[in-house]
Amino acid sequence: MLFFVNDYGEGAHEAVLAHLAETNREHLTGYGSDPYTARAKEKILAAAGCPDGDVYFLSGGTQTNETVISAYLRTWEGAVACETGHIAVHEAGAIEHSGHKVLTVPAHDGKMDAAELDAYLAAFFTDGNHEHMVFPGLVYLSYPTEYGTLYTKDELAALSAAAHKYGLPLYLDGARLGYGLASPACDLTLPDIAALADVFYIGGTKVGALCGEAVVFPHGAPAHFLTHVKQHGALMAKGRLLGVQFDALFTDGLYFSISRHAIDMAMKLKQVFLDKGYPLYIDSPTNQQFVILTQAEAEEIAEYAQFEVWEPCGGGRMVVRFAVSWATEAADIDALAAILPEK
């Protein structure tokens, strides 16, 4: 059975596992106070071009989003996100569980529009009754988006300007950040993101690590952020587990090289579907590919390949997602191409 369900179905890259094994017997202090974690932080800040920033390692993506957002927001504030944003759809109300509403704006192929964000914020603050409403307190984006699309540098700069115009921090969810930066469609660098976002995270769970995300604060973290992380259940006593992994991922450009491999596999996969005559729902330049299938086609393909049903698209058809990862091999794509029927 071929596997294209998600990009976190494998364990970890062999270099990460080797680094974990070779440091396994060392006696290290807890909660990320060990030298490997310190070294990983230095490497990440150097790669992001913000040596005076802060880095914290958290256990997973949902925990990271909930912890970061609640650290920034006051009790009467919410987070502004696209209606398709991960925190608005696929996090089981984690943000609301922390006491903060997700305030949604329209999505365009998964992306937020800067002019619409500006209009939304302007309308709120000019509303005579806004003291009785949930205040927008932070802007949340994903890079790549949930549909695999990317913001250009100009688009991200415009969104950053719109958020800062109203005093809101810009938070970028980078669960698949490596895959976005590795895409040939990307015109952003990691230092560009650090310059435009107030906080972002570098996803490890989906990009070569067993688990864990690296939260980067280019200009420094909110006060007592580590305590906040612990309160929200995202701090690991064996913090070394995350620090050692990111130390390996940010050695010799491993994080970026394995991300480029995933993008190569994704473009190969996309071409297979195009060559076979299957329409794409969206032209994704990253590791998630969205294909339109009939019910009969989906049932036939499901006999030899696993994928995720994404959403209905009318006429008895559905959008399905095929995801590749750092671990996908060309042989997997070739095997699919050999047995996928032509339309």
Protein backbone atom coordinates (compact mmCIF):
# COMPACT_ATOMS: atom_id res chain seq x y z
CA MET A 1 0.00 0.00 0.00
CA LEU A 2 1.46 3.35 -1.07
CA PHE A 3 1.32 6.08 1.57
CA PHE A 4 0.37 9.67 0.75
CA VAL A 5 -1.91 10.42 3.72
CA ASN A 6 0.25 13.00 5.46
CA ASP A 7 3.80 14.30 5.92
CA TYR A 8 4.35 12.99 9.45
CA GLY A 9 3.74 9.27 8.89
CA GLU A 10 7.42 8.34 9.15
CA GLY A 11 9.72 8.51 12.16
CA ALA A 12 12.74 10.80 11.82
CA HIS A 13 15.61 11.36 9.44
CA GLU A 14 18.50 8.98 10.05
CA ALA A 15 20.87 11.83 10.99
CA VAL A 16 18.43 12.91 13.68
CA LEU A 17 18.14 9.37 15.00
CA ALA A 18 21.93 8.98 14.97
CA HIS A 19 22.39 12.18 16.97
CA LEU A 20 19.77 11.02 19.48
CA ALA A 21 21.52 7.65 19.79
CA GLU A 22 25.01 9.06 20.20
CA THR A 23 23.88 11.45 22.95
CA ASN A 24 21.49 8.98 24.58
CA ARG A 25 23.64 8.05 27.57
CA GLU A 26 24.80 11.54 28.39
CA HIS A 27 23.57 13.03 31.66
CA LEU A 28 21.90 16.30 30.73
CA THR A 29 19.84 18.84 32.61
CA GLY A 30 16.14 19.10 31.83
CA TYR A 31 13.62 21.42 30.21
CA GLY A 32 15.93 22.47 27.39
CA SER A 33 18.79 23.75 29.54
CA ASP A 34 21.30 21.33 27.98
CA PRO A 35 24.17 22.34 25.65
CA TYR A 36 22.65 20.67 22.57
CA THR A 37 19.52 22.76 22.89
CA ALA A 38 21.64 25.89 23.35
CA ARG A 39 23.60 24.99 20.23
CA ALA A 40 20.41 24.37 18.25
CA LYS A 41 19.11 27.79 19.27
CA GLU A 42 22.31 29.47 18.09
CA LYS A 43 22.15 27.68 14.73
CA ILE A 44 18.50 28.61 14.18
CA LEU A 45 19.02 32.28 15.08
CA ALA A 46 22.03 32.43 12.78
CA ALA A 47 20.04 30.88 9.93
CA ALA A 48 17.19 33.34 10.54
CA GLY A 49 19.53 36.32 10.72
CA CYS A 50 18.33 37.43 14.15
CA PRO A 51 21.15 36.56 16.60
CA ASP A 52 19.55 38.55 19.42
CA GLY A 53 16.23 36.73 19.22
CA ASP A 54 14.85 33.92 21.36
CA VAL A 55 14.05 30.30 20.47
CA TYR A 56 11.88 27.89 22.45
CA PHE A 57 11.21 24.25 21.63
CA LEU A 58 7.65 23.00 22.10
CA SER A 59 6.22 19.52 21.81
CA GLY A 60 3.85 19.87 18.82
CA GLY A 61 2.03 22.17 16.44
CA THR A 62 -1.34 22.56 18.15
CA GLN A 63 0.36 23.09 21.52
CA THR A 64 2.59 25.69 19.89
CA ASN A 65 -0.26 27.63 18.31
CA GLU A 66 -2.32 27.61 21.48
CA THR A 67 0.63 28.56 23.71
CA VAL A 68 2.01 31.34 21.53
CA ILE A 69 -1.38 32.89 20.79
CA SER A 70 -2.51 32.86 24.41
CA ALA A 71 0.83 34.36 25.50
CA TYR A 72 0.23 37.39 23.28
CA LEU A 73 -3.48 37.92 23.81
CA ARG A 74 -5.21 39.63 26.68
CA THR A 75 -8.44 38.21 28.02
CA TRP A 76 -10.65 40.30 25.75
CA GLU A 77 -8.72 39.61 22.55
CA GLY A 78 -8.89 37.02 19.76
CA ALA A 79 -6.72 35.85 16.87
CA VAL A 80 -7.51 36.88 13.29
CA ALA A 81 -7.12 33.99 10.83
CA CYS A 82 -8.36 32.89 7.42
CA GLU A 83 -11.59 30.94 7.49
CA THR A 84 -9.52 27.95 6.27
CA GLY A 85 -6.73 28.57 8.79
CA HIS A 86 -5.52 25.63 10.84
CA ILE A 87 -6.52 27.20 14.16
CA ALA A 88 -10.00 27.88 12.78
CA VAL A 89 -10.64 24.40 11.37
CA HIS A 90 -8.36 21.58 12.44
CA GLU A 91 -7.34 22.23 16.04
CA ALA A 92 -10.49 21.11 17.83
CA GLY A 93 -11.14 24.54 19.31
CA ALA A 94 -7.77 24.65 21.10
CA ILE A 95 -7.59 28.44 20.83
CA GLU A 96 -11.14 28.82 22.11
CA HIS A 97 -10.31 26.37 24.90
CA SER A 98 -7.65 28.83 26.06
CA GLY A 99 -10.31 31.53 26.28
CA HIS A 100 -9.69 33.34 22.99
CA LYS A 101 -11.95 33.51 19.98
CA VAL A 102 -10.70 32.86 16.43
CA LEU A 103 -11.88 35.78 14.28
CA THR A 104 -12.05 34.78 10.63
CA VAL A 105 -11.60 36.67 7.37
CA PRO A 106 -12.04 35.29 3.82
CA ALA A 107 -9.46 32.93 2.34
CA HIS A 108 -8.28 32.97 -1.26
CA ASP A 109 -6.64 29.66 -2.13
CA GLY A 110 -5.87 29.44 1.57
CA LYS A 111 -4.34 32.92 1.77
CA MET A 112 -5.32 36.10 3.59
CA ASP A 113 -5.55 39.34 1.62
CA ALA A 114 -3.84 42.39 3.13
CA ALA A 115 -6.47 44.86 1.90
CA GLU A 116 -9.26 42.74 3.38
CA LEU A 117 -7.36 42.45 6.66
CA ASP A 118 -6.92 46.22 6.78
CA ALA A 119 -10.61 46.77 6.05
CA TYR A 120 -11.61 44.24 8.71
CA LEU A 121 -9.45 45.91 11.36
CA ALA A 122 -10.52 49.41 10.33
CA ALA A 123 -14.19 48.43 10.55
CA PHE A 124 -13.67 47.01 14.02
CA PHE A 125 -11.91 50.00 15.51
CA THR A 126 -14.36 52.52 13.99
CA ASP A 127 -17.38 50.59 15.25
CA GLY A 128 -18.91 52.59 18.06
CA ASN A 129 -19.73 49.38 19.92
CA HIS A 130 -16.31 47.76 19.65
CA GLU A 131 -15.80 47.91 23.42
CA HIS A 132 -18.52 45.25 23.62
CA MET A 133 -16.80 42.98 21.09
CA VAL A 134 -13.85 40.59 20.99
CA PHE A 135 -10.84 42.70 20.05
CA PRO A 136 -8.49 41.48 17.32
CA GLY A 137 -5.19 41.03 19.14
CA LEU A 138 -2.97 39.03 16.77
CA VAL A 139 -2.87 38.02 13.10
CA TYR A 140 -2.26 34.34 12.35
CA LEU A 141 -0.95 33.01 9.03
CA SER A 142 0.34 29.64 7.83
CA TYR A 143 3.31 29.25 5.50
CA PRO A 144 2.60 27.21 3.46
CA THR A 145 -1.14 27.51 3.84
CA GLU A 146 -3.47 24.58 4.42
CA TYR A 147 -3.83 24.37 0.63
CA GLY A 148 -0.10 24.28 0.00
CA THR A 149 -0.03 27.82 -1.36
CA LEU A 150 2.61 30.42 -0.58
CA TYR A 151 2.64 34.11 0.24
CA THR A 152 5.03 36.17 -1.84
CA LYS A 153 7.43 38.51 -0.09
CA ASP A 154 5.29 41.48 -1.13
CA GLU A 155 2.12 39.82 0.15
CA LEU A 156 3.71 38.98 3.50
CA ALA A 157 5.11 42.50 3.80
CA ALA A 158 1.66 43.97 3.13
CA LEU A 159 0.05 41.72 5.75
CA SER A 160 2.77 42.61 8.24
CA ALA A 161 2.19 46.31 7.58
CA ALA A 162 -1.57 45.95 7.97
CA ALA A 163 -1.23 44.11 11.27
CA HIS A 164 1.33 46.55 12.67
CA LYS A 165 -0.76 49.54 11.55
CA TYR A 166 -3.25 48.53 14.24
CA GLY A 167 -0.65 47.40 16.77
CA LEU A 168 -1.19 43.67 16.23
CA PRO A 169 1.69 41.17 16.18
CA LEU A 170 2.00 38.90 13.16
CA TYR A 171 2.37 35.17 13.91
CA LEU A 172 3.38 32.72 11.21
CA ASP A 173 2.63 29.01 11.66
CA GLY A 174 5.53 27.18 10.03
CA ALA A 175 4.52 23.56 10.53
CA ARG A 176 5.67 22.96 6.93
CA LEU A 177 8.03 25.92 6.72
CA GLY A 178 10.85 23.91 5.17
CA TYR A 179 8.63 22.79 2.31
CA GLY A 180 7.58 26.38 1.65
CA LEU A 181 11.11 27.75 1.62
CA ALA A 182 12.31 24.90 -0.63
CA SER A 183 9.64 25.49 -3.27
CA PRO A 184 10.79 27.04 -6.56
CA ALA A 185 7.78 29.34 -6.23
CA CYS A 186 9.15 30.84 -2.99
CA ASP A 187 10.73 34.29 -3.10
CA LEU A 188 11.18 34.49 0.68
CA THR A 189 14.14 33.53 2.84
CA LEU A 190 14.18 32.61 6.50
CA PRO A 191 15.67 36.04 7.37
CA ASP A 192 12.85 37.68 5.38
CA ILE A 193 10.30 35.89 7.54
CA ALA A 194 12.16 36.88 10.69
CA ALA A 195 12.10 40.50 9.53
CA LEU A 196 8.36 40.54 8.76
CA ALA A 197 6.86 38.34 11.50
CA ASP A 198 6.91 39.04 15.22
CA VAL A 199 6.96 35.32 15.96
CA PHE A 200 7.06 32.19 13.81
CA TYR A 201 7.84 28.55 14.25
CA ILE A 202 9.97 26.12 12.34
CA GLY A 203 8.16 22.82 12.07
CA GLY A 204 10.06 19.68 12.96
CA THR A 205 7.23 17.16 13.30
CA LYS A 206 6.49 17.31 9.56
CA VAL A 207 10.06 17.98 8.42
CA GLY A 208 12.42 15.29 9.61
CA ALA A 209 12.00 15.17 13.40
CA LEU A 210 10.22 12.64 15.57
CA CYS A 211 8.34 15.55 17.13
CA GLY A 212 8.78 19.15 18.13
CA GLU A 213 8.65 22.70 16.82
CA ALA A 214 11.10 25.59 17.22
CA VAL A 215 9.39 28.89 18.07
CA VAL A 216 11.43 31.91 17.02
CA PHE A 217 10.95 35.39 18.47
CA PRO A 218 13.16 37.64 16.32
CA HIS A 219 12.87 40.53 18.79
CA GLY A 220 12.54 38.57 22.02
CA ALA A 221 9.82 36.51 23.66
CA PRO A 222 6.98 37.72 25.89
CA ALA A 223 7.85 37.85 29.58
CA HIS A 224 8.05 34.49 31.36
CA PHE A 225 7.31 32.60 28.17
CA LEU A 226 8.90 29.38 29.45
CA THR A 227 6.53 29.41 32.42
CA HIS A 228 3.66 29.96 30.01
CA VAL A 229 4.80 26.98 27.92
CA LYS A 230 4.79 24.79 31.00
CA GLN A 231 1.35 25.97 32.09
CA HIS A 232 0.02 24.95 28.70
CA GLY A 233 1.51 21.46 28.76
CA ALA A 234 3.95 22.05 25.89
CA LEU A 235 7.23 21.88 27.86
CA MET A 236 9.09 18.58 27.86
CA ALA A 237 11.07 17.59 30.94
CA LYS A 238 13.42 15.78 28.55
CA GLY A 239 13.92 18.93 26.55
CA ARG A 240 17.05 17.36 25.11
CA LEU A 241 14.79 15.28 22.87
CA LEU A 242 13.85 18.41 20.92
CA GLY A 243 17.15 20.25 21.18
CA VAL A 244 19.22 17.33 19.92
CA GLN A 245 16.89 16.85 16.95
CA PHE A 246 17.03 20.48 15.87
CA ASP A 247 20.77 20.51 16.42
CA ALA A 248 20.97 17.76 13.79
CA LEU A 249 18.41 19.37 11.46
CA PHE A 250 20.32 22.66 11.42
CA THR A 251 23.73 21.09 10.84
CA ASP A 252 25.08 21.28 7.28
CA GLY A 253 21.75 22.52 5.94
CA LEU A 254 19.95 19.22 6.55
CA TYR A 255 16.56 20.85 7.21
CA PHE A 256 16.65 22.60 3.86
CA SER A 257 18.07 19.73 1.81
CA ILE A 258 15.44 17.23 2.96
CA SER A 259 12.76 19.84 2.29
CA ARG A 260 14.01 20.29 -1.27
CA HIS A 261 13.84 16.54 -1.75
CA ALA A 262 10.19 16.57 -0.68
CA ILE A 263 9.40 19.33 -3.16
CA ASP A 264 11.10 17.39 -5.95
CA MET A 265 8.90 14.40 -5.09
CA ALA A 266 5.78 16.58 -4.96
CA MET A 267 6.42 18.05 -8.40
CA LYS A 268 6.98 14.54 -9.76
CA LEU A 269 3.70 13.44 -8.18
CA LYS A 270 1.85 16.43 -9.62
CA GLN A 271 3.11 15.59 -13.10
CA VAL A 272 1.86 12.01 -12.76
CA PHE A 273 -1.68 13.23 -12.15
CA LEU A 274 -1.49 15.77 -14.97
CA ASP A 275 -0.10 13.19 -17.40
CA LYS A 276 -2.92 10.79 -16.49
CA GLY A 277 -5.56 13.46 -17.06
CA TYR A 278 -6.66 14.13 -13.47
CA PRO A 279 -7.62 17.74 -12.72
CA LEU A 280 -5.98 19.57 -9.84
CA TYR A 281 -8.13 21.52 -7.41
CA ILE A 282 -5.35 24.04 -6.87
CA ASP A 283 -1.89 24.47 -8.32
CA SER A 284 0.09 23.85 -5.14
CA PRO A 285 3.84 24.53 -5.35
CA THR A 286 4.59 22.61 -2.16
CA ASN A 287 4.40 19.10 -0.75
CA GLN A 288 0.59 18.84 -0.59
CA GLN A 289 -1.16 18.11 -3.87
CA PHE A 290 -4.95 18.40 -4.20
CA VAL A 291 -6.64 16.29 -6.88
CA ILE A 292 -10.27 16.12 -7.99
CA LEU A 293 -11.69 12.58 -8.15
CA THR A 294 -15.06 10.97 -8.60
CA GLN A 295 -16.28 8.61 -5.91
CA ALA A 296 -15.53 5.63 -8.17
CA GLU A 297 -12.01 6.87 -8.91
CA ALA A 298 -11.31 7.47 -5.22
CA GLU A 299 -12.48 3.98 -4.32
CA GLU A 300 -10.32 2.41 -7.03
CA ILE A 301 -7.17 4.32 -6.09
CA ALA A 302 -7.76 3.59 -2.39
CA GLU A 303 -7.18 -0.09 -3.11
CA TYR A 304 -3.45 0.57 -3.56
CA ALA A 305 -2.72 4.07 -2.25
CA GLN A 306 -3.66 5.88 0.95
CA PHE A 307 -4.63 9.56 0.75
CA GLU A 308 -6.91 11.97 2.59
CA VAL A 309 -10.35 13.07 1.49
CA TRP A 310 -10.28 16.85 1.83
CA GLU A 311 -13.68 18.27 0.83
CA PRO A 312 -16.58 17.81 -1.62
CA CYS A 313 -16.48 19.90 -4.78
CA GLY A 314 -19.88 19.29 -6.38
CA GLY A 315 -21.16 17.03 -9.10
CA GLY A 316 -20.44 13.93 -7.04
CA ARG A 317 -16.73 14.72 -7.05
CA MET A 318 -14.35 15.29 -4.18
CA VAL A 319 -11.03 16.96 -3.47
CA VAL A 320 -8.43 14.57 -2.11
CA ARG A 321 -4.98 15.37 -0.77
CA PHE A 322 -1.82 13.47 -1.62
CA ALA A 323 1.01 14.53 0.69
CA VAL A 324 4.67 13.68 0.36
CA SER A 325 7.41 14.23 2.93
CA TRP A 326 11.16 14.32 3.40
CA ALA A 327 11.03 10.49 3.39
CA THR A 328 9.08 9.94 0.16
CA GLU A 329 11.11 8.12 -2.46
CA ALA A 330 10.97 8.39 -6.25
CA ALA A 331 10.08 4.70 -6.32
CA ASP A 332 6.84 5.53 -4.48
CA ILE A 333 5.84 7.98 -7.20
CA ASP A 334 6.87 5.59 -9.96
CA ALA A 335 4.80 2.83 -8.39
CA LEU A 336 1.74 5.08 -8.33
CA ALA A 337 2.32 6.13 -11.93
CA ALA A 338 2.51 2.50 -13.02
CA ILE A 339 -0.89 1.55 -11.65
CA LEU A 340 -2.88 4.82 -11.77
CA PRO A 341 -5.44 4.47 -14.58
CA GLU A 342 -5.72 7.19 -17.19
CA LYS A 343 -8.95 9.19 -17.26
